[in-house]
Amino acid sequence: MLPLVALVGRPNVGKSTIFNALTRTRDALVHDQPGVTRDRNYGVCRLDEDNHFLIVDTGGIAEQEEGLAGATARQARAAAEEADLIVFVVDARDGTSALDDDILAWLRKQQQPKVLLINKIDGTDEHTVRAEFSRYGFSEMLTVSAAHRQGLDDLLEEIVERLPEEGSAEEMDNDPNRVRIAFVGRPNVGKSTLVNRILGEERMIASEVPGTTRDSISVDLEREGRDYRLIDTAGLRRRGRVDEAVEKFSVVKTMQAIEQCQVAVLMLDAHEGVTDQDATVLGAVLDAGRALVIAINKWDGLTDYQREQAETQLSLRLGFVPWAESVRISAMHGSGLRELFSAIHRAHDSANHQFSTSEVNQALEMAYTANPPPTIRGHVSKLRYVHPGGANPPTFIVHGTRLKELSETYKRYLENFFRKRFKLVGTPVQFIFREGSNPYEGKKNPLTERQVKAKRRLMKHVKGR
C-alpha cells in the first residue's frame, strides 16, 4: 500500500500541471479554460526505485453544488478524504479569494496533514504573495511555478517528510495478465454510467450533458478472480464537429486509450441505433486492430416492436464486422453485465491466442486443398507455408509465389477459414503475404571456352544446312 497525496483547490490554479510535473507524464489534460479536469486521475510519483507515492489530480471545487460543478466538487472531496496528505493549491497571481477561504474551512475539518502550495509564482513578488497568504495560518508555505518546473524539489522534500511510510492506496500495476478494457463511443451513450455500475460506486461523473468525460480515466478492478483495468474515455465525434481545443485533446487521449487497451467495448444507444458518429468510433478501433465487443445500451427501455427494428438495423449497419459479438445491456440497472464480461473474455482469449507453426500450416493446407486460388492469366498463386506473426490481433504471415495476384475474395476466404478453424471471435485477423524473390534473377552464367567453341560449331552446322 502506497501513501496518497491529493491536489485540491479551486478551478484553474494549476493542479493538473503540477500532477504532470510530479508524475513526469502528460496524463492530465492541461488548458487555460477553467474546469477541464472533472474526474479523479491517479498517477505515481517515483523518486527512486524504492521511494514513490500515489498522487491524485482533482477537479476544481467551485461554488455550485448542482450539476457538473457539484459532481466535480464531490469527486475532489472524496479524493481529499481518502488521501494521506492534502496539498491545497492556490494561485499567486489571483491572491486570496472567498472560494479559497471556503475550501480551507472545509479542509480544516479533515484529519490529514495539509500543505499550502502557492502556484504561478513566476512574475510576482514572492514576499508580497507570502504575506498575503499568511493569513491562512500555515507555518510553512511552498511556492512553485509548475509550468516552469520551479520549486518542485522543495515540494517533493516536504511531501516525503510528511507522508507516512505505509499508505492506504494500492499502486496500479503493469501485470500482463490484467485485461485492459476501454469503453468507447460517441458522447452521452452511458460509458461512465457503465463503469460506475461495474465498480459499484460513483467513481466517474455521469451526466446527461454530452461531453461530461474529458479525460481517459483508468481504474483497476478484481472481479470473480480476474484482474481488469477499466478505461473510461471521452466521447468521439467526427473531426468536422470537433472545434474546442479541449475536445481535441480529449480525442487524442481516447485514441491513445484505444491503442493501449486489449479489448474495446463500443457502446451504442439502442434508441438511436448505429449513427455516423458510431461508425467513426468503430473505424478507430478497427484501425488499431483491437478486439471488439459491441454493447447496446438502454435496451431495457425499448418495446418489443422497437427491439425488432433495432435488431434489423444492427444486422444491416454492422454487417461488415460479423465477427464482433454484440450484447444488450442496461448500464443504469446493471442488466447484461455477465453476458458482457463473457463476450470480453472470449474476445480477449481469441486476440491473444498463441498459435504453433504446425497447426497454422495444417490449416493453410486444408484451406488450399478445399479451395485453391483461381487461375489468373494462366498462372496460379502458390501458398507454400505460413507462420504466426503476433497477437492482438492474431497475425499470420503467408509465404509463396505470385501472392500479389491473390484476389481480395480469396484473402477473405482464408480469414474466414482460419476464424472457423480456430474459433476466433471478437477480434480482427490479419494476413501478411510475402512473395519469395527469384534467387537467379539478374544473374548470368558466363560460358566456358569449351562451351563457346561448341556453340560456334553448332551455329556453323545450322547455317551450313
Protein backbone atom coordinates (compact mmCIF):
# COMPACT_ATOMS: atom_id res chain seq x y z
CA MET A 1 0.00 0.00 0.00
CA LEU A 2 1.36 3.39 -1.03
CA PRO A 3 0.80 6.83 0.51
CA LEU A 4 -1.68 9.00 -1.38
CA VAL A 5 -1.36 12.73 -1.99
CA ALA A 6 -4.42 14.72 -3.12
CA LEU A 7 -4.16 18.00 -5.04
CA VAL A 8 -7.14 20.14 -4.03
CA GLY A 9 -8.14 23.69 -4.90
CA ARG A 10 -10.48 25.88 -6.90
CA PRO A 11 -10.59 25.71 -10.71
CA ASN A 12 -7.66 26.82 -12.87
CA VAL A 13 -4.98 27.08 -10.20
CA GLY A 14 -2.66 24.59 -11.95
CA LYS A 15 -3.38 21.26 -10.24
CA SER A 16 -3.16 19.25 -13.48
CA THR A 17 0.12 20.96 -14.42
CA ILE A 18 1.55 20.04 -11.01
CA PHE A 19 0.26 16.48 -11.44
CA ASN A 20 2.01 16.10 -14.81
CA ALA A 21 5.21 17.61 -13.44
CA LEU A 22 5.35 15.27 -10.43
CA THR A 23 4.41 12.13 -12.35
CA ARG A 24 6.57 13.11 -15.34
CA THR A 25 3.73 12.29 -17.68
CA ARG A 26 1.10 14.07 -19.74
CA ASP A 27 -1.78 12.01 -18.39
CA ALA A 28 -3.78 15.02 -17.21
CA LEU A 29 -5.34 17.45 -19.65
CA VAL A 30 -3.97 20.99 -19.23
CA HIS A 31 -5.68 24.08 -20.62
CA ASP A 32 -6.27 27.69 -19.65
CA GLN A 33 -10.00 27.09 -19.64
CA PRO A 34 -11.29 26.52 -16.08
CA GLY A 35 -13.00 23.24 -15.25
CA VAL A 36 -11.13 20.99 -17.69
CA THR A 37 -10.48 18.32 -15.04
CA ARG A 38 -13.60 16.67 -13.66
CA ASP A 39 -12.88 13.08 -12.63
CA ARG A 40 -10.19 11.88 -10.25
CA ASN A 41 -6.97 10.98 -12.06
CA TYR A 42 -4.37 8.87 -10.26
CA GLY A 43 -0.66 8.66 -11.05
CA VAL A 44 2.63 7.59 -9.49
CA CYS A 45 5.44 9.93 -8.48
CA ARG A 46 8.69 7.95 -8.48
CA LEU A 47 11.60 9.47 -6.57
CA ASP A 48 13.81 6.38 -6.88
CA GLU A 49 13.39 2.62 -7.16
CA ASP A 50 12.24 2.18 -3.56
CA ASN A 51 10.64 5.54 -2.80
CA HIS A 52 7.42 6.52 -4.59
CA PHE A 53 3.87 7.53 -3.78
CA LEU A 54 0.48 7.97 -5.45
CA ILE A 55 -0.89 11.36 -6.38
CA VAL A 56 -4.44 12.21 -7.42
CA ASP A 57 -5.45 15.15 -9.58
CA THR A 58 -8.92 16.52 -8.85
CA GLY A 59 -11.30 18.93 -10.47
CA GLY A 60 -11.68 22.42 -9.13
CA ILE A 61 -14.09 22.97 -6.24
CA ALA A 62 -16.49 25.72 -7.31
CA GLU A 63 -19.32 27.44 -5.51
CA GLN A 64 -22.11 25.48 -7.21
CA GLU A 65 -23.31 22.26 -5.62
CA GLU A 66 -25.55 21.23 -8.51
CA GLY A 67 -24.86 19.89 -11.96
CA LEU A 68 -21.37 19.14 -13.25
CA ALA A 69 -19.71 21.62 -10.90
CA GLY A 70 -21.28 19.94 -7.89
CA ALA A 71 -20.33 16.46 -9.12
CA THR A 72 -16.75 17.63 -9.70
CA ALA A 73 -16.57 19.07 -6.19
CA ARG A 74 -17.84 15.80 -4.69
CA GLN A 75 -15.12 13.89 -6.55
CA ALA A 76 -12.48 16.30 -5.20
CA ARG A 77 -13.76 15.98 -1.64
CA ALA A 78 -13.79 12.19 -1.92
CA ALA A 79 -10.15 12.27 -3.03
CA ALA A 80 -9.20 14.50 -0.11
CA GLU A 81 -10.96 12.25 2.40
CA GLU A 82 -9.08 9.13 1.27
CA ALA A 83 -5.66 10.84 1.00
CA ASP A 84 -2.80 10.62 3.49
CA LEU A 85 -1.67 14.17 2.68
CA ILE A 86 -3.63 17.09 1.21
CA VAL A 87 -1.88 19.70 -0.90
CA PHE A 88 -4.02 22.84 -1.01
CA VAL A 89 -3.15 24.64 -4.26
CA VAL A 90 -3.75 28.39 -4.64
CA ASP A 91 -2.95 30.95 -7.33
CA ALA A 92 -0.24 33.54 -6.58
CA ARG A 93 -1.47 35.88 -9.32
CA ASP A 94 -5.09 35.95 -8.16
CA GLY A 95 -4.27 36.10 -4.47
CA THR A 96 -6.66 35.01 -1.76
CA SER A 97 -10.34 34.65 -2.56
CA ALA A 98 -13.59 33.88 -0.80
CA LEU A 99 -13.71 30.48 -2.55
CA ASP A 100 -10.25 29.63 -1.23
CA ASP A 101 -11.47 30.59 2.25
CA ASP A 102 -14.45 28.22 1.93
CA ILE A 103 -12.28 25.34 0.68
CA LEU A 104 -9.79 25.87 3.50
CA ALA A 105 -12.60 25.93 6.08
CA TRP A 106 -13.70 22.50 4.84
CA LEU A 107 -10.13 21.18 4.72
CA ARG A 108 -9.54 22.12 8.35
CA LYS A 109 -12.23 19.64 9.32
CA GLN A 110 -10.17 16.82 7.82
CA GLN A 111 -7.68 14.98 10.00
CA GLN A 112 -4.94 14.55 7.37
CA PRO A 113 -1.86 16.79 7.35
CA LYS A 114 -2.03 19.66 4.87
CA VAL A 115 0.42 21.66 2.79
CA LEU A 116 -0.25 25.09 1.31
CA LEU A 117 1.18 25.30 -2.20
CA ILE A 118 1.25 28.68 -3.96
CA ASN A 119 1.49 28.11 -7.71
CA LYS A 120 2.28 30.52 -10.59
CA ILE A 121 4.84 32.39 -8.52
CA ASP A 122 6.78 33.45 -11.63
CA GLY A 123 6.37 37.14 -12.47
CA THR A 124 5.23 38.07 -8.94
CA ASP A 125 6.86 39.43 -5.80
CA GLU A 126 7.28 36.32 -3.67
CA HIS A 127 7.47 38.24 -0.37
CA THR A 128 4.22 40.08 -1.11
CA VAL A 129 2.50 36.82 -2.07
CA ARG A 130 3.66 35.07 1.09
CA ALA A 131 2.44 37.98 3.20
CA GLU A 132 -0.99 37.83 1.57
CA PHE A 133 -1.43 34.09 2.14
CA SER A 134 -0.01 34.16 5.65
CA ARG A 135 -3.50 34.80 7.00
CA TYR A 136 -4.36 31.16 6.25
CA GLY A 137 -2.26 30.18 9.25
CA PHE A 138 0.18 27.70 7.66
CA SER A 139 3.55 27.58 9.35
CA GLU A 140 5.20 26.55 6.07
CA MET A 141 4.18 27.89 2.66
CA LEU A 142 5.68 26.43 -0.52
CA THR A 143 5.93 28.45 -3.72
CA VAL A 144 6.28 26.86 -7.15
CA SER A 145 5.85 27.55 -10.83
CA ALA A 146 4.70 24.22 -12.16
CA ALA A 147 4.71 25.41 -15.77
CA HIS A 148 8.43 26.26 -15.50
CA ARG A 149 9.26 23.42 -13.03
CA GLN A 150 10.48 25.85 -10.37
CA GLY A 151 10.32 24.86 -6.72
CA LEU A 152 9.28 21.23 -7.33
CA ASP A 153 12.26 19.81 -5.44
CA ASP A 154 11.24 21.66 -2.27
CA LEU A 155 7.68 20.41 -2.74
CA LEU A 156 8.83 16.80 -3.05
CA GLU A 157 11.01 17.11 0.07
CA GLU A 158 8.03 18.45 2.04
CA ILE A 159 5.74 15.70 0.77
CA VAL A 160 8.22 12.92 1.60
CA GLU A 161 8.77 14.35 5.08
CA ARG A 162 5.06 14.46 5.89
CA LEU A 163 3.91 11.21 4.27
CA PRO A 164 3.60 8.03 6.34
CA GLU A 165 5.71 5.03 5.35
CA GLU A 166 2.63 2.90 4.79
CA GLY A 167 -0.31 4.40 2.96
CA SER A 168 -3.89 3.42 2.19
CA ALA A 169 -3.82 3.27 -1.63
CA GLU A 170 -2.90 0.45 -3.98
CA GLU A 171 -0.49 1.10 -6.82
CA MET A 172 -1.71 0.49 -10.36
CA ASP A 173 0.47 -2.38 -11.54
CA ASN A 174 1.55 -3.40 -15.01
CA ASP A 175 0.52 -7.03 -14.66
CA PRO A 176 0.39 -8.50 -18.21
CA ASN A 177 -2.44 -10.79 -17.09
CA ARG A 178 -4.64 -7.80 -16.30
CA VAL A 179 -7.25 -7.38 -19.04
CA ARG A 180 -7.26 -3.77 -20.28
CA ILE A 181 -10.76 -2.73 -21.38
CA ALA A 182 -11.51 0.63 -22.99
CA PHE A 183 -15.12 1.81 -23.11
CA VAL A 184 -15.50 3.92 -26.22
CA GLY A 185 -18.33 5.52 -28.14
CA ARG A 186 -19.83 8.84 -29.06
CA PRO A 187 -20.82 11.30 -26.32
CA ASN A 188 -23.70 10.53 -23.97
CA VAL A 189 -24.13 6.79 -24.64
CA GLY A 190 -23.54 5.78 -21.00
CA LYS A 191 -19.83 4.89 -20.79
CA SER A 192 -19.27 6.46 -17.37
CA THR A 193 -22.54 5.06 -16.06
CA LEU A 194 -21.48 1.57 -17.11
CA VAL A 195 -18.07 1.88 -15.45
CA ASN A 196 -19.71 3.10 -12.24
CA ARG A 197 -22.14 0.18 -12.33
CA ILE A 198 -19.29 -2.31 -12.77
CA LEU A 199 -17.28 -0.74 -9.93
CA GLY A 200 -20.30 -0.42 -7.67
CA GLU A 201 -19.53 3.22 -6.79
CA GLU A 202 -19.74 6.70 -8.27
CA ARG A 203 -16.15 6.71 -9.45
CA MET A 204 -16.85 8.64 -12.67
CA ILE A 205 -19.03 11.68 -13.14
CA ALA A 206 -22.09 10.57 -15.10
CA SER A 207 -24.39 13.24 -16.50
CA GLU A 208 -26.94 13.71 -19.25
CA VAL A 209 -24.82 16.56 -20.60
CA PRO A 210 -22.84 15.31 -23.62
CA GLY A 211 -19.07 15.56 -23.24
CA THR A 212 -19.02 15.23 -19.45
CA THR A 213 -15.94 12.99 -19.55
CA ARG A 214 -12.93 14.80 -20.96
CA ASP A 215 -10.01 12.66 -19.89
CA SER A 216 -9.26 8.94 -20.09
CA ILE A 217 -9.52 7.58 -16.54
CA SER A 218 -8.14 4.15 -15.63
CA VAL A 219 -9.41 2.11 -12.68
CA ASP A 220 -8.20 -1.34 -11.61
CA LEU A 221 -10.77 -3.96 -10.67
CA GLU A 222 -10.81 -7.55 -9.47
CA ARG A 223 -13.94 -9.44 -10.45
CA GLU A 224 -14.58 -13.16 -9.97
CA GLY A 225 -10.90 -13.97 -9.66
CA ARG A 226 -9.71 -11.98 -12.71
CA ASP A 227 -7.94 -8.63 -12.79
CA TYR A 228 -9.09 -5.83 -15.09
CA ARG A 229 -8.18 -2.27 -15.92
CA LEU A 230 -11.25 -0.28 -16.94
CA ILE A 231 -10.61 2.82 -19.03
CA ASP A 232 -13.41 5.36 -19.31
CA THR A 233 -12.86 7.58 -22.34
CA ALA A 234 -14.27 10.80 -23.73
CA GLY A 235 -16.90 10.55 -26.44
CA LEU A 236 -15.62 10.69 -30.02
CA ARG A 237 -17.25 12.77 -32.71
CA ARG A 238 -16.47 13.29 -36.36
CA ARG A 239 -13.45 15.51 -36.93
CA GLY A 240 -15.51 18.18 -38.65
CA ARG A 241 -17.50 18.73 -35.47
CA VAL A 242 -14.54 18.96 -33.09
CA ASP A 243 -13.91 22.68 -32.53
CA GLU A 244 -12.72 23.29 -28.98
CA ALA A 245 -9.06 22.72 -28.16
CA VAL A 246 -10.01 20.80 -25.01
CA GLU A 247 -12.12 18.39 -27.04
CA LYS A 248 -9.25 17.88 -29.47
CA PHE A 249 -7.04 16.89 -26.56
CA SER A 250 -9.77 14.55 -25.33
CA VAL A 251 -9.88 12.87 -28.73
CA VAL A 252 -6.12 12.32 -28.59
CA LYS A 253 -6.40 10.74 -25.13
CA THR A 254 -9.20 8.48 -26.34
CA MET A 255 -7.17 7.34 -29.34
CA GLN A 256 -4.26 6.57 -27.02
CA ALA A 257 -6.57 4.53 -24.79
CA ILE A 258 -7.74 2.51 -27.79
CA GLU A 259 -4.13 1.81 -28.80
CA GLN A 260 -3.16 0.71 -25.29
CA CYS A 261 -6.19 -1.46 -24.50
CA GLN A 262 -6.66 -5.14 -25.29
CA VAL A 263 -10.45 -5.12 -25.71
CA ALA A 264 -12.51 -2.13 -26.85
CA VAL A 265 -16.17 -2.07 -25.79
CA LEU A 266 -18.06 0.04 -28.31
CA MET A 267 -21.21 1.39 -26.69
CA LEU A 268 -24.29 2.18 -28.80
CA ASP A 269 -27.59 3.80 -27.86
CA ALA A 270 -30.41 1.36 -28.57
CA HIS A 271 -32.85 4.24 -29.10
CA GLU A 272 -30.74 5.83 -31.85
CA GLY A 273 -29.18 2.78 -33.49
CA VAL A 274 -25.89 2.94 -35.39
CA THR A 275 -25.12 6.54 -36.35
CA ASP A 276 -22.34 8.04 -38.45
CA GLN A 277 -20.52 9.00 -35.26
CA ASP A 278 -20.65 5.37 -34.10
CA ALA A 279 -19.13 4.32 -37.42
CA THR A 280 -16.31 6.83 -36.83
CA VAL A 281 -15.51 5.29 -33.44
CA LEU A 282 -15.75 1.78 -34.86
CA GLY A 283 -13.31 2.76 -37.60
CA ALA A 284 -10.81 3.95 -34.99
CA VAL A 285 -11.00 0.58 -33.20
CA LEU A 286 -10.55 -1.36 -36.45
CA ASP A 287 -7.58 0.80 -37.46
CA ALA A 288 -5.92 -0.01 -34.13
CA GLY A 289 -6.60 -3.74 -34.66
CA ARG A 290 -8.10 -4.23 -31.22
CA ALA A 291 -10.52 -6.89 -30.07
CA LEU A 292 -14.08 -5.59 -30.16
CA VAL A 293 -17.29 -6.12 -28.22
CA ILE A 294 -20.39 -4.11 -29.06
CA ALA A 295 -22.55 -3.14 -26.06
CA ILE A 296 -26.02 -1.89 -26.96
CA ASN A 297 -27.07 0.26 -24.01
CA LYS A 298 -30.56 1.32 -22.85
CA TRP A 299 -32.05 -1.90 -24.26
CA ASP A 300 -34.48 -2.17 -21.34
CA GLY A 301 -36.30 0.99 -22.44
CA LEU A 302 -37.44 -0.43 -25.81
CA THR A 303 -40.75 -2.04 -26.65
CA ASP A 304 -40.87 -5.39 -28.47
CA TYR A 305 -41.50 -3.65 -31.80
CA GLN A 306 -38.63 -1.23 -31.23
CA ARG A 307 -36.33 -4.14 -30.40
CA GLU A 308 -37.22 -5.88 -33.66
CA GLN A 309 -36.50 -2.70 -35.59
CA ALA A 310 -33.24 -2.20 -33.72
CA GLU A 311 -32.13 -5.78 -34.42
CA THR A 312 -32.78 -5.30 -38.14
CA GLN A 313 -30.81 -2.06 -38.28
CA LEU A 314 -27.91 -3.51 -36.29
CA SER A 315 -27.61 -6.50 -38.63
CA LEU A 316 -27.54 -4.16 -41.64
CA ARG A 317 -25.19 -1.46 -40.32
CA LEU A 318 -22.78 -3.82 -38.56
CA GLY A 319 -22.65 -6.46 -41.27
CA PHE A 320 -19.01 -5.66 -42.06
CA VAL A 321 -17.91 -6.82 -38.58
CA PRO A 322 -19.79 -10.13 -38.26
CA TRP A 323 -17.04 -11.48 -36.00
CA ALA A 324 -17.79 -8.94 -33.23
CA GLU A 325 -20.23 -10.12 -30.57
CA SER A 326 -23.00 -7.73 -29.53
CA VAL A 327 -24.54 -7.69 -26.06
CA ARG A 328 -27.75 -5.99 -24.92
CA ILE A 329 -27.24 -4.19 -21.62
CA SER A 330 -28.60 -1.52 -19.31
CA ALA A 331 -25.79 0.48 -17.72
CA MET A 332 -28.18 2.17 -15.31
CA HIS A 333 -29.77 -1.01 -13.97
CA GLY A 334 -26.83 -3.39 -14.48
CA SER A 335 -28.59 -5.95 -16.66
CA GLY A 336 -26.46 -7.89 -19.14
CA LEU A 337 -23.14 -7.35 -17.34
CA ARG A 338 -22.41 -11.07 -17.00
CA GLU A 339 -23.01 -11.58 -20.73
CA LEU A 340 -20.82 -8.54 -21.45
CA PHE A 341 -17.86 -9.89 -19.48
CA SER A 342 -18.28 -13.32 -21.07
CA ALA A 343 -18.00 -11.70 -24.52
CA ILE A 344 -14.98 -9.70 -23.34
CA HIS A 345 -13.26 -12.89 -22.17
CA ARG A 346 -13.89 -14.65 -25.49
CA ALA A 347 -12.60 -11.66 -27.47
CA HIS A 348 -9.53 -11.32 -25.24
CA ASP A 349 -8.69 -15.02 -25.41
CA SER A 350 -9.07 -15.06 -29.20
CA ALA A 351 -6.96 -11.95 -29.69
CA ASN A 352 -4.11 -13.25 -27.51
CA HIS A 353 -4.19 -16.94 -28.52
CA GLN A 354 -0.75 -18.42 -29.13
CA PHE A 355 -0.58 -20.46 -32.33
CA SER A 356 2.01 -23.08 -33.27
CA THR A 357 3.57 -23.15 -36.71
CA SER A 358 2.45 -26.71 -37.35
CA GLU A 359 -1.24 -26.06 -36.67
CA VAL A 360 -1.42 -22.95 -38.84
CA ASN A 361 0.36 -24.77 -41.69
CA GLN A 362 -2.12 -27.61 -41.37
CA ALA A 363 -4.97 -25.09 -41.57
CA LEU A 364 -3.42 -23.44 -44.64
CA GLU A 365 -3.06 -26.82 -46.37
CA MET A 366 -6.69 -27.68 -45.63
CA ALA A 367 -7.87 -24.29 -46.94
CA TYR A 368 -5.74 -24.63 -50.08
CA THR A 369 -6.96 -28.16 -50.77
CA ALA A 370 -10.61 -27.31 -50.25
CA ASN A 371 -10.49 -24.19 -52.43
CA PRO A 372 -7.31 -23.46 -54.44
CA PRO A 373 -6.69 -19.93 -55.70
CA PRO A 374 -8.17 -19.19 -59.14
CA THR A 375 -6.04 -19.15 -62.28
CA ILE A 376 -5.12 -15.63 -63.42
CA ARG A 377 -3.60 -15.18 -66.89
CA GLY A 378 -2.60 -18.82 -66.98
CA HIS A 379 -0.81 -18.76 -63.61
CA VAL A 380 -1.86 -19.89 -60.15
CA SER A 381 -0.67 -18.40 -56.87
CA LYS A 382 1.14 -20.90 -54.67
CA LEU A 383 0.83 -20.76 -50.87
CA ARG A 384 3.92 -22.59 -49.63
CA TYR A 385 3.83 -22.16 -45.84
CA VAL A 386 2.60 -19.86 -43.05
CA HIS A 387 3.77 -18.98 -39.55
CA PRO A 388 2.34 -16.86 -36.68
CA GLY A 389 3.36 -13.23 -36.76
CA GLY A 390 1.96 -11.89 -33.48
CA ALA A 391 -1.08 -11.47 -31.31
CA ASN A 392 -3.68 -8.79 -30.58
CA PRO A 393 -4.67 -9.02 -33.36
CA PRO A 394 -3.71 -12.56 -34.47
CA THR A 395 -1.35 -12.16 -37.40
CA PHE A 396 -0.37 -14.83 -39.92
CA ILE A 397 2.49 -14.44 -42.41
CA VAL A 398 2.00 -16.43 -45.61
CA HIS A 399 4.92 -17.19 -47.93
CA GLY A 400 4.60 -18.24 -51.54
CA THR A 401 4.79 -17.14 -55.16
CA ARG A 402 2.53 -14.85 -57.19
CA LEU A 403 0.83 -13.72 -53.97
CA LYS A 404 0.33 -10.22 -55.35
CA GLU A 405 -2.23 -11.67 -57.74
CA LEU A 406 -4.39 -13.09 -54.92
CA SER A 407 -7.86 -11.55 -55.04
CA GLU A 408 -9.49 -9.88 -52.03
CA THR A 409 -12.18 -12.55 -52.20
CA TYR A 410 -9.65 -15.32 -51.66
CA LYS A 411 -8.00 -13.39 -48.82
CA ARG A 412 -11.38 -13.10 -47.08
CA TYR A 413 -11.86 -16.83 -47.65
CA LEU A 414 -8.58 -17.53 -45.83
CA GLU A 415 -9.57 -15.22 -42.99
CA ASN A 416 -12.98 -16.87 -42.56
CA PHE A 417 -11.43 -20.34 -42.78
CA PHE A 418 -8.93 -19.55 -40.02
CA ARG A 419 -11.68 -17.99 -37.89
CA LYS A 420 -13.80 -21.11 -38.16
CA ARG A 421 -10.85 -23.45 -37.73
CA PHE A 422 -9.54 -21.81 -34.53
CA LYS A 423 -12.90 -20.45 -33.26
CA LEU A 424 -11.73 -16.83 -33.24
CA VAL A 425 -14.45 -14.38 -32.17
CA GLY A 426 -14.37 -10.72 -31.30
CA THR A 427 -11.01 -9.98 -32.87
CA PRO A 428 -9.77 -8.92 -36.30
CA VAL A 429 -7.44 -11.33 -38.11
CA GLN A 430 -4.52 -10.01 -40.15
CA PHE A 431 -2.75 -11.79 -43.02
CA ILE A 432 0.59 -10.63 -44.37
CA PHE A 433 1.60 -12.08 -47.74
CA ARG A 434 5.30 -12.27 -48.56
CA GLU A 435 6.38 -13.33 -52.01
CA GLY A 436 9.76 -15.01 -52.30
CA SER A 437 12.23 -13.47 -54.73
CA ASN A 438 13.89 -15.43 -57.55
CA PRO A 439 17.49 -16.09 -56.41
CA TYR A 440 18.70 -16.28 -60.04
CA GLU A 441 17.07 -13.03 -61.17
CA GLY A 442 19.60 -10.69 -62.76
CA LYS A 443 22.37 -13.31 -62.72
CA LYS A 444 24.05 -14.66 -65.90
CA ASN A 445 26.33 -17.67 -66.02
CA PRO A 446 29.34 -16.96 -68.28
CA LEU A 447 30.13 -19.71 -70.84
CA THR A 448 33.41 -21.58 -70.62
CA GLU A 449 35.83 -21.62 -73.57
CA ARG A 450 34.78 -25.17 -74.38
CA GLN A 451 31.07 -24.19 -74.39
CA VAL A 452 31.85 -21.22 -76.68
CA LYS A 453 33.61 -23.49 -79.22
CA ALA A 454 30.75 -25.98 -79.11
CA LYS A 455 28.24 -23.19 -79.70
CA ARG A 456 30.21 -21.95 -82.72
CA ARG A 457 30.36 -25.45 -84.24
CA LEU A 458 26.59 -25.79 -83.71
CA MET A 459 25.83 -22.45 -85.33
CA LYS A 460 28.16 -23.26 -88.28
CA HIS A 461 26.40 -26.59 -88.76
CA VAL A 462 22.96 -24.93 -88.67
CA LYS A 463 23.93 -22.28 -91.18
CA GLY A 464 25.54 -24.89 -93.48
CA ARG A 465 22.25 -26.77 -93.74
